[in-house]
C-alpha atoms as a PDB file:
ATOM      1  CA  MET A   1       0.000   0.000   0.000  1.00  0.00           C
ATOM      2  CA  ASP A   2       1.343   3.380  -0.955  1.00  0.00           C
ATOM      3  CA  PRO A   3       1.915   5.821   1.930  1.00  0.00           C
ATOM      4  CA  ASP A   4      -0.458   8.761   2.185  1.00  0.00           C
ATOM      5  CA  TRP A   5       0.608  12.377   2.657  1.00  0.00           C
ATOM      6  CA  ASP A   6       0.074  12.293   6.427  1.00  0.00           C
ATOM      7  CA  ASP A   7       2.511   9.367   6.708  1.00  0.00           C
ATOM      8  CA  LEU A   8       5.054  11.209   4.586  1.00  0.00           C
ATOM      9  CA  ARG A   9       4.678  14.351   6.696  1.00  0.00           C
ATOM     10  CA  VAL A  10       5.672  12.383   9.804  1.00  0.00           C
ATOM     11  CA  PHE A  11       8.523  10.691   7.926  1.00  0.00           C
ATOM     12  CA  LEU A  12       9.939  14.059   6.812  1.00  0.00           C
ATOM     13  CA  ALA A  13       9.778  15.499  10.323  1.00  0.00           C
ATOM     14  CA  VAL A  14      11.787  12.586  11.748  1.00  0.00           C
ATOM     15  CA  ALA A  15      14.260  12.707   8.843  1.00  0.00           C
ATOM     16  CA  ARG A  16      14.840  16.439   9.362  1.00  0.00           C
ATOM     17  CA  ASP A  17      14.889  16.460  13.147  1.00  0.00           C
ATOM     18  CA  GLY A  18      16.792  13.219  13.707  1.00  0.00           C
ATOM     19  CA  GLY A  19      14.584  11.916  16.497  1.00  0.00           C
ATOM     20  CA  LEU A  20      11.056  11.348  17.780  1.00  0.00           C
ATOM     21  CA  SER A  21      11.024  14.081  20.429  1.00  0.00           C
ATOM     22  CA  ALA A  22      12.192  16.861  18.098  1.00  0.00           C
ATOM     23  CA  ALA A  23       9.846  15.647  15.353  1.00  0.00           C
ATOM     24  CA  GLY A  24       7.006  15.556  17.853  1.00  0.00           C
ATOM     25  CA  ARG A  25       7.633  19.194  18.761  1.00  0.00           C
ATOM     26  CA  SER A  26       7.586  20.299  15.139  1.00  0.00           C
ATOM     27  CA  LEU A  27       4.454  18.236  14.407  1.00  0.00           C
ATOM     28  CA  ARG A  28       2.727  19.172  17.694  1.00  0.00           C
ATOM     29  CA  MET A  29       2.422  15.428  18.307  1.00  0.00           C
ATOM     30  CA  ASP A  30       3.359  13.083  21.151  1.00  0.00           C
ATOM     31  CA  PRO A  31       6.744  11.357  20.450  1.00  0.00           C
ATOM     32  CA  ALA A  32       5.234   7.932  21.125  1.00  0.00           C
ATOM     33  CA  THR A  33       2.614   8.616  18.462  1.00  0.00           C
ATOM     34  CA  VAL A  34       5.355   9.677  16.034  1.00  0.00           C
ATOM     35  CA  GLY A  35       7.165   6.390  16.732  1.00  0.00           C
ATOM     36  CA  ARG A  36       4.018   4.353  16.080  1.00  0.00           C
ATOM     37  CA  ARG A  37       3.397   6.206  12.829  1.00  0.00           C
ATOM     38  CA  ILE A  38       6.939   5.523  11.628  1.00  0.00           C
ATOM     39  CA  GLN A  39       6.629   1.855  12.544  1.00  0.00           C
ATOM     40  CA  ARG A  40       3.304   1.657  10.691  1.00  0.00           C
ATOM     41  CA  LEU A  41       4.850   3.274   7.609  1.00  0.00           C
ATOM     42  CA  GLU A  42       7.804   0.879   7.668  1.00  0.00           C
ATOM     43  CA  ASP A  43       5.410  -2.073   8.011  1.00  0.00           C
ATOM     44  CA  ARG A  44       3.416  -0.871   4.996  1.00  0.00           C
ATOM     45  CA  LEU A  45       6.545  -0.480   2.892  1.00  0.00           C
ATOM     46  CA  GLY A  46       8.199  -3.651   4.154  1.00  0.00           C
ATOM     47  CA  ALA A  47      11.474  -1.817   4.715  1.00  0.00           C
ATOM     48  CA  ALA A  48      13.295   0.022   7.500  1.00  0.00           C
ATOM     49  CA  LEU A  49      13.483   3.768   6.894  1.00  0.00           C
ATOM     50  CA  PHE A  50      15.625   4.624   9.914  1.00  0.00           C
ATOM     51  CA  LEU A  51      18.471   3.175  11.918  1.00  0.00           C
ATOM     52  CA  LYS A  52      17.522   3.716  15.578  1.00  0.00           C
ATOM     53  CA  SER A  53      20.200   4.380  18.188  1.00  0.00           C
ATOM     54  CA  PRO A  54      20.571   6.286  21.488  1.00  0.00           C
ATOM     55  CA  GLN A  55      21.945   9.155  19.388  1.00  0.00           C
ATOM     56  CA  GLY A  56      18.778   9.426  17.320  1.00  0.00           C
ATOM     57  CA  TYR A  57      17.227   8.303  14.045  1.00  0.00           C
ATOM     58  CA  ALA A  58      19.457   8.107  10.934  1.00  0.00           C
ATOM     59  CA  LEU A  59      18.077   7.390   7.467  1.00  0.00           C
ATOM     60  CA  THR A  60      18.720   4.020   5.871  1.00  0.00           C
ATOM     61  CA  GLU A  61      19.411   3.774   2.146  1.00  0.00           C
ATOM     62  CA  VAL A  62      15.693   3.209   1.574  1.00  0.00           C
ATOM     63  CA  GLY A  63      14.915   6.210   3.747  1.00  0.00           C
ATOM     64  CA  GLU A  64      17.361   8.377   1.799  1.00  0.00           C
ATOM     65  CA  ARG A  65      15.581   7.425  -1.436  1.00  0.00           C
ATOM     66  CA  MET A  66      12.246   8.365   0.150  1.00  0.00           C
ATOM     67  CA  VAL A  67      13.220  11.962   0.968  1.00  0.00           C
ATOM     68  CA  ALA A  68      12.980  13.491  -2.514  1.00  0.00           C
ATOM     69  CA  PRO A  69       9.548  12.007  -3.354  1.00  0.00           C
ATOM     70  CA  ALA A  70       8.253  12.942   0.101  1.00  0.00           C
ATOM     71  CA  GLU A  71       9.404  16.538  -0.365  1.00  0.00           C
ATOM     72  CA  ALA A  72       7.763  16.609  -3.802  1.00  0.00           C
ATOM     73  CA  ALA A  73       4.524  15.481  -2.123  1.00  0.00           C
ATOM     74  CA  GLU A  74       4.984  18.220   0.490  1.00  0.00           C
ATOM     75  CA  THR A  75       5.354  20.864  -2.199  1.00  0.00           C
ATOM     76  CA  GLY A  76       2.273  19.499  -3.966  1.00  0.00           C
ATOM     77  CA  ALA A  77       0.231  19.533  -0.767  1.00  0.00           C
ATOM     78  CA  GLU A  78       1.183  23.151  -0.086  1.00  0.00           C
ATOM     79  CA  ALA A  79       0.311  24.141  -3.651  1.00  0.00           C
ATOM     80  CA  ALA A  80      -3.057  22.349  -3.401  1.00  0.00           C
ATOM     81  CA  THR A  81      -3.859  24.136  -0.143  1.00  0.00           C
ATOM     82  CA  ALA A  82      -2.978  27.492  -1.679  1.00  0.00           C
ATOM     83  CA  ALA A  83      -5.103  26.772  -4.776  1.00  0.00           C
ATOM     84  CA  ALA A  84      -8.085  25.744  -2.638  1.00  0.00           C
ATOM     85  CA  ARG A  85      -7.817  29.039  -0.786  1.00  0.00           C
ATOM     86  CA  GLY A  86      -7.424  31.023  -3.988  1.00  0.00           C
ATOM     87  CA  GLU A  87      -3.888  31.930  -2.991  1.00  0.00           C
ATOM     88  CA  VAL A  88      -1.850  30.470  -5.860  1.00  0.00           C
ATOM     89  CA  GLY A  89       1.648  31.898  -5.643  1.00  0.00           C
ATOM     90  CA  ALA A  90       1.089  33.029  -2.068  1.00  0.00           C
ATOM     91  CA  LEU A  91       2.823  31.691   1.021  1.00  0.00           C
ATOM     92  CA  THR A  92       0.704  29.494   3.300  1.00  0.00           C
ATOM     93  CA  GLY A  93       1.094  27.490   6.485  1.00  0.00           C
ATOM     94  CA  GLN A  94       2.977  28.432   9.636  1.00  0.00           C
ATOM     95  CA  VAL A  95       6.485  29.879   9.946  1.00  0.00           C
ATOM     96  CA  ARG A  96       8.099  30.549  13.320  1.00  0.00           C
ATOM     97  CA  ILE A  97      11.077  32.932  13.534  1.00  0.00           C
ATOM     98  CA  GLY A  98      13.388  33.169  16.530  1.00  0.00           C
ATOM     99  CA  ALA A  99      15.230  36.451  17.021  1.00  0.00           C
ATOM    100  CA  PRO A 100      17.127  38.514  19.599  1.00  0.00           C
ATOM    101  CA  ASP A 101      14.697  40.778  21.394  1.00  0.00           C
ATOM    102  CA  GLY A 102      16.062  44.004  19.864  1.00  0.00           C
ATOM    103  CA  CYS A 103      15.485  42.738  16.339  1.00  0.00           C
ATOM    104  CA  ALA A 104      12.147  41.188  17.319  1.00  0.00           C
ATOM    105  CA  ASN A 105      10.870  44.427  18.850  1.00  0.00           C
ATOM    106  CA  PHE A 106      12.099  47.065  16.428  1.00  0.00           C
ATOM    107  CA  LEU A 107      12.417  45.345  13.021  1.00  0.00           C
ATOM    108  CA  LEU A 108      10.336  42.187  12.716  1.00  0.00           C
ATOM    109  CA  PRO A 109       6.885  43.671  13.491  1.00  0.00           C
ATOM    110  CA  GLN A 110       7.003  45.953  10.436  1.00  0.00           C
ATOM    111  CA  VAL A 111       8.637  43.351   8.172  1.00  0.00           C
ATOM    112  CA  CYS A 112       6.393  40.431   9.180  1.00  0.00           C
ATOM    113  CA  ALA A 113       3.242  42.548   9.059  1.00  0.00           C
ATOM    114  CA  GLY A 114       4.023  43.320   5.422  1.00  0.00           C
ATOM    115  CA  ILE A 115       4.697  39.684   4.544  1.00  0.00           C
ATOM    116  CA  ALA A 116       1.525  38.542   6.319  1.00  0.00           C
ATOM    117  CA  ALA A 117      -0.608  41.177   4.570  1.00  0.00           C
ATOM    118  CA  ALA A 118       0.636  39.947   1.191  1.00  0.00           C
ATOM    119  CA  ASN A 119       0.008  36.296   2.111  1.00  0.00           C
ATOM    120  CA  PRO A 120      -3.369  35.875   3.878  1.00  0.00           C
ATOM    121  CA  GLY A 121      -2.942  32.119   4.298  1.00  0.00           C
ATOM    122  CA  LEU A 122       0.375  32.496   6.131  1.00  0.00           C
ATOM    123  CA  ASP A 123       0.689  32.302   9.933  1.00  0.00           C
ATOM    124  CA  VAL A 124       3.827  34.070  11.215  1.00  0.00           C
ATOM    125  CA  GLN A 125       5.097  33.567  14.763  1.00  0.00           C
ATOM    126  CA  ILE A 126       7.914  35.674  16.276  1.00  0.00           C
ATOM    127  CA  VAL A 127       9.807  34.200  19.227  1.00  0.00           C
ATOM    128  CA  ALA A 128      11.661  37.076  20.953  1.00  0.00           C
ATOM    129  CA  LEU A 129      14.353  35.869  23.324  1.00  0.00           C
ATOM    130  CA  PRO A 130      17.393  37.479  25.001  1.00  0.00           C
ATOM    131  CA  ARG A 131      19.364  34.361  24.081  1.00  0.00           C
ATOM    132  CA  ILE A 132      20.207  32.236  21.049  1.00  0.00           C
ATOM    133  CA  VAL A 133      17.227  30.291  19.686  1.00  0.00           C
ATOM    134  CA  ASN A 134      17.804  26.519  19.582  1.00  0.00           C
ATOM    135  CA  LEU A 135      16.913  25.298  16.094  1.00  0.00           C
ATOM    136  CA  SER A 136      17.912  21.711  16.843  1.00  0.00           C
ATOM    137  CA  ARG A 137      15.102  21.585  19.419  1.00  0.00           C
ATOM    138  CA  ARG A 138      12.714  23.085  16.858  1.00  0.00           C
ATOM    139  CA  GLU A 139      12.086  26.218  18.903  1.00  0.00           C
ATOM    140  CA  ALA A 140      11.695  27.895  15.506  1.00  0.00           C
ATOM    141  CA  ASP A 141      11.813  27.168  11.766  1.00  0.00           C
ATOM    142  CA  MET A 142      14.552  29.747  11.301  1.00  0.00           C
ATOM    143  CA  ALA A 143      16.519  32.108  13.504  1.00  0.00           C
ATOM    144  CA  ILE A 144      18.106  35.526  13.241  1.00  0.00           C
ATOM    145  CA  THR A 145      21.454  35.742  15.029  1.00  0.00           C
ATOM    146  CA  VAL A 146      24.194  38.331  15.536  1.00  0.00           C
ATOM    147  CA  SER A 147      26.999  35.779  15.168  1.00  0.00           C
ATOM    148  CA  ARG A 148      27.503  33.358  12.308  1.00  0.00           C
ATOM    149  CA  PRO A 149      27.141  29.811  13.731  1.00  0.00           C
ATOM    150  CA  ALA A 150      30.291  27.764  13.398  1.00  0.00           C
ATOM    151  CA  THR A 151      28.794  24.320  14.026  1.00  0.00           C
ATOM    152  CA  GLY A 152      25.653  22.325  13.323  1.00  0.00           C
ATOM    153  CA  ARG A 153      23.762  21.080  10.261  1.00  0.00           C
ATOM    154  CA  LEU A 154      22.660  24.560   9.251  1.00  0.00           C
ATOM    155  CA  THR A 155      22.466  26.902   6.292  1.00  0.00           C
ATOM    156  CA  VAL A 156      23.473  30.483   7.014  1.00  0.00           C
ATOM    157  CA  GLN A 157      23.042  33.657   4.976  1.00  0.00           C
ATOM    158  CA  LYS A 158      24.004  37.192   5.859  1.00  0.00           C
ATOM    159  CA  ILE A 159      21.023  39.532   6.015  1.00  0.00           C
ATOM    160  CA  ALA A 160      22.618  42.951   6.554  1.00  0.00           C
ATOM    161  CA  ASP A 161      24.975  45.029   8.654  1.00  0.00           C
ATOM    162  CA  TYR A 162      23.562  47.410  11.234  1.00  0.00           C
ATOM    163  CA  ARG A 163      25.029  50.265  13.288  1.00  0.00           C
ATOM    164  CA  LEU A 164      25.122  51.013  17.007  1.00  0.00           C
ATOM    165  CA  SER A 165      25.960  54.328  18.667  1.00  0.00           C
ATOM    166  CA  LEU A 166      26.245  55.827  22.121  1.00  0.00           C
ATOM    167  CA  ALA A 167      23.003  57.590  22.999  1.00  0.00           C
ATOM    168  CA  ALA A 168      21.253  59.313  25.885  1.00  0.00           C
ATOM    169  CA  HIS A 169      17.960  61.079  26.484  1.00  0.00           C
ATOM    170  CA  ARG A 170      17.827  64.866  26.551  1.00  0.00           C
ATOM    171  CA  ARG A 171      16.451  64.774  30.116  1.00  0.00           C
ATOM    172  CA  TYR A 172      19.653  63.032  31.259  1.00  0.00           C
ATOM    173  CA  LEU A 173      21.978  65.286  29.274  1.00  0.00           C
ATOM    174  CA  ARG A 174      20.449  68.516  30.664  1.00  0.00           C
ATOM    175  CA  ASP A 175      22.212  68.145  34.029  1.00  0.00           C
ATOM    176  CA  ALA A 176      25.004  65.739  33.105  1.00  0.00           C
ATOM    177  CA  PRO A 177      28.708  66.551  32.676  1.00  0.00           C
ATOM    178  CA  ALA A 178      30.059  67.186  29.173  1.00  0.00           C
ATOM    179  CA  LEU A 179      30.001  64.141  26.907  1.00  0.00           C
ATOM    180  CA  VAL A 180      31.968  64.658  23.702  1.00  0.00           C
ATOM    181  CA  THR A 181      34.610  61.918  23.636  1.00  0.00           C
ATOM    182  CA  LEU A 182      35.030  58.430  25.095  1.00  0.00           C
ATOM    183  CA  ALA A 183      37.312  59.948  27.710  1.00  0.00           C
ATOM    184  CA  ASP A 184      34.251  61.700  29.182  1.00  0.00           C
ATOM    185  CA  LEU A 185      32.343  58.437  29.812  1.00  0.00           C
ATOM    186  CA  PRO A 186      33.724  57.675  33.331  1.00  0.00           C
ATOM    187  CA  ALA A 187      31.788  60.691  34.625  1.00  0.00           C
ATOM    188  CA  HIS A 188      28.479  59.191  33.435  1.00  0.00           C
ATOM    189  CA  ARG A 189      26.124  56.406  34.458  1.00  0.00           C
ATOM    190  CA  ILE A 190      26.186  53.583  31.916  1.00  0.00           C
ATOM    191  CA  VAL A 191      23.163  51.520  30.900  1.00  0.00           C
ATOM    192  CA  GLY A 192      23.898  48.128  29.331  1.00  0.00           C
ATOM    193  CA  TYR A 193      23.819  44.355  29.566  1.00  0.00           C
ATOM    194  CA  ILE A 194      24.214  42.390  32.777  1.00  0.00           C
ATOM    195  CA  PRO A 195      27.818  41.280  32.125  1.00  0.00           C
ATOM    196  CA  ASP A 196      27.416  37.600  33.036  1.00  0.00           C
ATOM    197  CA  MET A 197      24.188  37.311  30.984  1.00  0.00           C
ATOM    198  CA  ILE A 198      25.610  38.427  27.621  1.00  0.00           C
ATOM    199  CA  PHE A 199      24.578  35.499  25.415  1.00  0.00           C
ATOM    200  CA  ASP A 200      26.699  36.295  22.354  1.00  0.00           C
ATOM    201  CA  PRO A 201      30.242  37.744  22.177  1.00  0.00           C
ATOM    202  CA  GLU A 202      29.085  40.185  19.488  1.00  0.00           C
ATOM    203  CA  LEU A 203      26.974  41.893  22.178  1.00  0.00           C
ATOM    204  CA  ASP A 204      29.943  42.554  24.467  1.00  0.00           C
ATOM    205  CA  TYR A 205      30.409  46.220  23.565  1.00  0.00           C
ATOM    206  CA  LEU A 206      32.039  47.498  26.751  1.00  0.00           C
ATOM    207  CA  ALA A 207      35.699  47.060  25.859  1.00  0.00           C
ATOM    208  CA  GLU A 208      35.226  48.847  22.533  1.00  0.00           C
ATOM    209  CA  ALA A 209      33.836  51.894  24.358  1.00  0.00           C
ATOM    210  CA  TRP A 210      36.409  51.718  27.194  1.00  0.00           C
ATOM    211  CA  ILE A 211      33.591  50.994  29.657  1.00  0.00           C
ATOM    212  CA  ASP A 212      34.456  48.933  32.744  1.00  0.00           C
ATOM    213  CA  ARG A 213      31.256  49.345  34.791  1.00  0.00           C
ATOM    214  CA  VAL A 214      27.521  49.218  34.029  1.00  0.00           C
ATOM    215  CA  ALA A 215      25.527  51.142  36.620  1.00  0.00           C
ATOM    216  CA  VAL A 216      22.034  50.132  35.433  1.00  0.00           C
ATOM    217  CA  ALA A 217      21.701  46.847  33.569  1.00  0.00           C
ATOM    218  CA  SER A 218      19.242  44.451  31.922  1.00  0.00           C
ATOM    219  CA  ASN A 219      19.503  41.333  29.797  1.00  0.00           C
ATOM    220  CA  SER A 220      16.833  42.858  27.495  1.00  0.00           C
ATOM    221  CA  ILE A 221      17.481  45.446  24.785  1.00  0.00           C
ATOM    222  CA  PRO A 222      13.966  46.981  25.006  1.00  0.00           C
ATOM    223  CA  VAL A 223      14.393  47.365  28.776  1.00  0.00           C
ATOM    224  CA  GLN A 224      17.769  49.041  28.270  1.00  0.00           C
ATOM    225  CA  LEU A 225      16.161  51.416  25.794  1.00  0.00           C
ATOM    226  CA  ARG A 226      13.376  52.285  28.231  1.00  0.00           C
ATOM    227  CA  LEU A 227      15.942  52.896  30.983  1.00  0.00           C
ATOM    228  CA  ILE A 228      17.798  55.325  28.746  1.00  0.00           C
ATOM    229  CA  ALA A 229      14.499  57.004  27.830  1.00  0.00           C
ATOM    230  CA  GLN A 230      13.832  57.516  31.558  1.00  0.00           C
ATOM    231  CA  GLY A 231      17.148  59.325  31.963  1.00  0.00           C
ATOM    232  CA  ALA A 232      18.977  56.470  33.693  1.00  0.00           C
ATOM    233  CA  GLY A 233      22.199  57.083  31.786  1.00  0.00           C
ATOM    234  CA  VAL A 234      24.121  56.574  28.558  1.00  0.00           C
ATOM    235  CA  GLY A 235      24.015  53.365  26.550  1.00  0.00           C
ATOM    236  CA  ILE A 236      25.025  51.716  23.296  1.00  0.00           C
ATOM    237  CA  VAL A 237      21.873  51.672  21.185  1.00  0.00           C
ATOM    238  CA  HIS A 238      20.929  50.177  17.816  1.00  0.00           C
ATOM    239  CA  ASP A 239      20.555  53.037  15.341  1.00  0.00           C
ATOM    240  CA  PHE A 240      17.411  51.338  13.998  1.00  0.00           C
ATOM    241  CA  ALA A 241      15.855  51.543  17.492  1.00  0.00           C
ATOM    242  CA  ARG A 242      16.575  55.226  18.227  1.00  0.00           C
ATOM    243  CA  PRO A 243      13.699  56.589  16.084  1.00  0.00           C
ATOM    244  CA  PHE A 244      11.246  54.787  18.400  1.00  0.00           C
ATOM    245  CA  VAL A 245      12.188  56.966  21.400  1.00  0.00           C
ATOM    246  CA  ARG A 246      11.473  60.675  21.149  1.00  0.00           C
ATOM    247  CA  GLY A 247      14.154  62.783  22.788  1.00  0.00           C
ATOM    248  CA  MET A 248      16.954  60.236  22.472  1.00  0.00           C
ATOM    249  CA  THR A 249      20.070  61.681  20.896  1.00  0.00           C
ATOM    250  CA  ARG A 250      23.417  60.375  19.794  1.00  0.00           C
ATOM    251  CA  VAL A 251      26.481  61.348  21.825  1.00  0.00           C
ATOM    252  CA  VAL A 252      30.217  60.936  21.136  1.00  0.00           C
ATOM    253  CA  PRO A 253      29.757  61.247  17.349  1.00  0.00           C
ATOM    254  CA  ASP A 254      33.132  59.658  16.594  1.00  0.00           C
ATOM    255  CA  PHE A 255      32.077  56.362  18.207  1.00  0.00           C
ATOM    256  CA  ALA A 256      30.140  53.753  16.221  1.00  0.00           C
ATOM    257  CA  LEU A 257      29.965  49.963  16.025  1.00  0.00           C
ATOM    258  CA  THR A 258      28.918  47.721  13.161  1.00  0.00           C
ATOM    259  CA  ARG A 259      27.384  44.303  13.628  1.00  0.00           C
ATOM    260  CA  SER A 260      25.567  41.884  11.309  1.00  0.00           C
ATOM    261  CA  PHE A 261      22.349  39.897  11.300  1.00  0.00           C
ATOM    262  CA  TRP A 262      22.451  36.312   9.992  1.00  0.00           C
ATOM    263  CA  LEU A 263      19.538  34.120   8.946  1.00  0.00           C
ATOM    264  CA  VAL A 264      20.035  30.547  10.130  1.00  0.00           C
ATOM    265  CA  ARG A 265      17.977  27.566   8.945  1.00  0.00           C
ATOM    266  CA  HIS A 266      18.047  23.794   9.126  1.00  0.00           C
ATOM    267  CA  ALA A 267      20.364  22.338   6.485  1.00  0.00           C
ATOM    268  CA  THR A 268      17.540  20.422   4.798  1.00  0.00           C
ATOM    269  CA  ASP A 269      15.138  23.368   4.621  1.00  0.00           C
ATOM    270  CA  HIS A 270      16.684  24.787   1.450  1.00  0.00           C
ATOM    271  CA  ARG A 271      14.690  22.099  -0.373  1.00  0.00           C
ATOM    272  CA  LEU A 272      11.394  23.557   0.809  1.00  0.00           C
ATOM    273  CA  PRO A 273      10.183  26.238  -1.608  1.00  0.00           C
ATOM    274  CA  ARG A 274       7.813  27.735   0.956  1.00  0.00           C
ATOM    275  CA  LEU A 275      10.513  28.326   3.558  1.00  0.00           C
ATOM    276  CA  ALA A 276      12.995  29.490   0.924  1.00  0.00           C
ATOM    277  CA  ARG A 277      10.534  32.100  -0.372  1.00  0.00           C
ATOM    278  CA  PHE A 278       9.709  33.251   3.141  1.00  0.00           C
ATOM    279  CA  ALA A 279      13.409  33.531   4.012  1.00  0.00           C
ATOM    280  CA  GLU A 280      14.032  35.708   0.964  1.00  0.00           C
ATOM    281  CA  ALA A 281      11.069  37.962   1.772  1.00  0.00           C
ATOM    282  CA  LEU A 282      12.246  38.243   5.377  1.00  0.00           C
ATOM    283  CA  ALA A 283      15.842  39.102   4.477  1.00  0.00           C
ATOM    284  CA  SER A 284      14.815  41.598   1.822  1.00  0.00           C
ATOM    285  CA  GLY A 285      12.330  43.257   4.174  1.00  0.00           C
ATOM    286  CA  MET A 286      14.860  43.501   6.988  1.00  0.00           C
ATOM    287  CA  ARG A 287      17.479  45.098   4.743  1.00  0.00           C
ATOM    288  CA  ALA A 288      14.988  47.731   3.629  1.00  0.00           C
ATOM    289  CA  GLU A 289      13.717  48.408   7.153  1.00  0.00           C
ATOM    290  CA  ILE A 290      17.219  48.741   8.642  1.00  0.00           C
ATOM    291  CA  ALA A 291      18.131  51.252   5.913  1.00  0.00           C
ATOM    292  CA  ARG A 292      14.915  53.210   6.456  1.00  0.00           C
ATOM    293  CA  LEU A 293      15.229  53.454  10.228  1.00  0.00           C
ATOM    294  CA  GLU A 294      18.942  54.217  10.213  1.00  0.00           C
ATOM    295  CA  SER A 295      18.286  57.107   7.843  1.00  0.00           C
ATOM    296  CA  LEU A 296      15.953  58.573  10.495  1.00  0.00           C
ATOM    297  CA  ALA A 297      18.324  58.090  13.423  1.00  0.00           C
END
């Protein structure tokens, strides 16, 4: 008996995630149920699709041959769903993006709102975390990072560079000492990250600004921004975030940092036209939005 699409959907999840628990998370299904479905599919086909071990599920030769036809069925199912909804050419289904909270708060709402408006059958979920999103645990379909991952079965593309500057609110600067060069910083309160909670080395700005103490700290970029807006001190701020706070101004004009955003996906996801098209729309939208906001800063 030929497998149906629902069987193939479970097969693909296990093949991509390498285990029942991870596949269960991506399918929103109990791992034991995933295991029973795989066993049922193997019984129907009369062949083992996976080699099971404590390290996970690895494809057999038969399983490897099954991947391409299963992905073709996946593409066909997505196209059929879009046609039934009158959305031929549109993106459909669910996509979950993990991102650092600064990006998730100040860039992704505008970008994802535009993508969603153009694709009514698409469900977009933004996971905003002050840490690196774990793709191997299927916390998201794709992640935006500030460092290029060096390990893992991943595909990585650079989205864009972005700028950061020293900034303070006018209410703080009214009564504060002069602040023209980095040498003036020791006389000022500094707002920044909690040092032992910096989750990526690219976010460790202090040494580059000759800062050795943070007086008011948070592990969250939006919280840091609100602290600066309340006059708590001087901080290193994304240029794309400054237009969101009236009264915030750049200080020490000669100081600037450049960092990059990277789009990280599972290695096998490049075969999925839906995710590939979404990734391109996301990257293109982010590049445009960073340029727009930085021109206002």
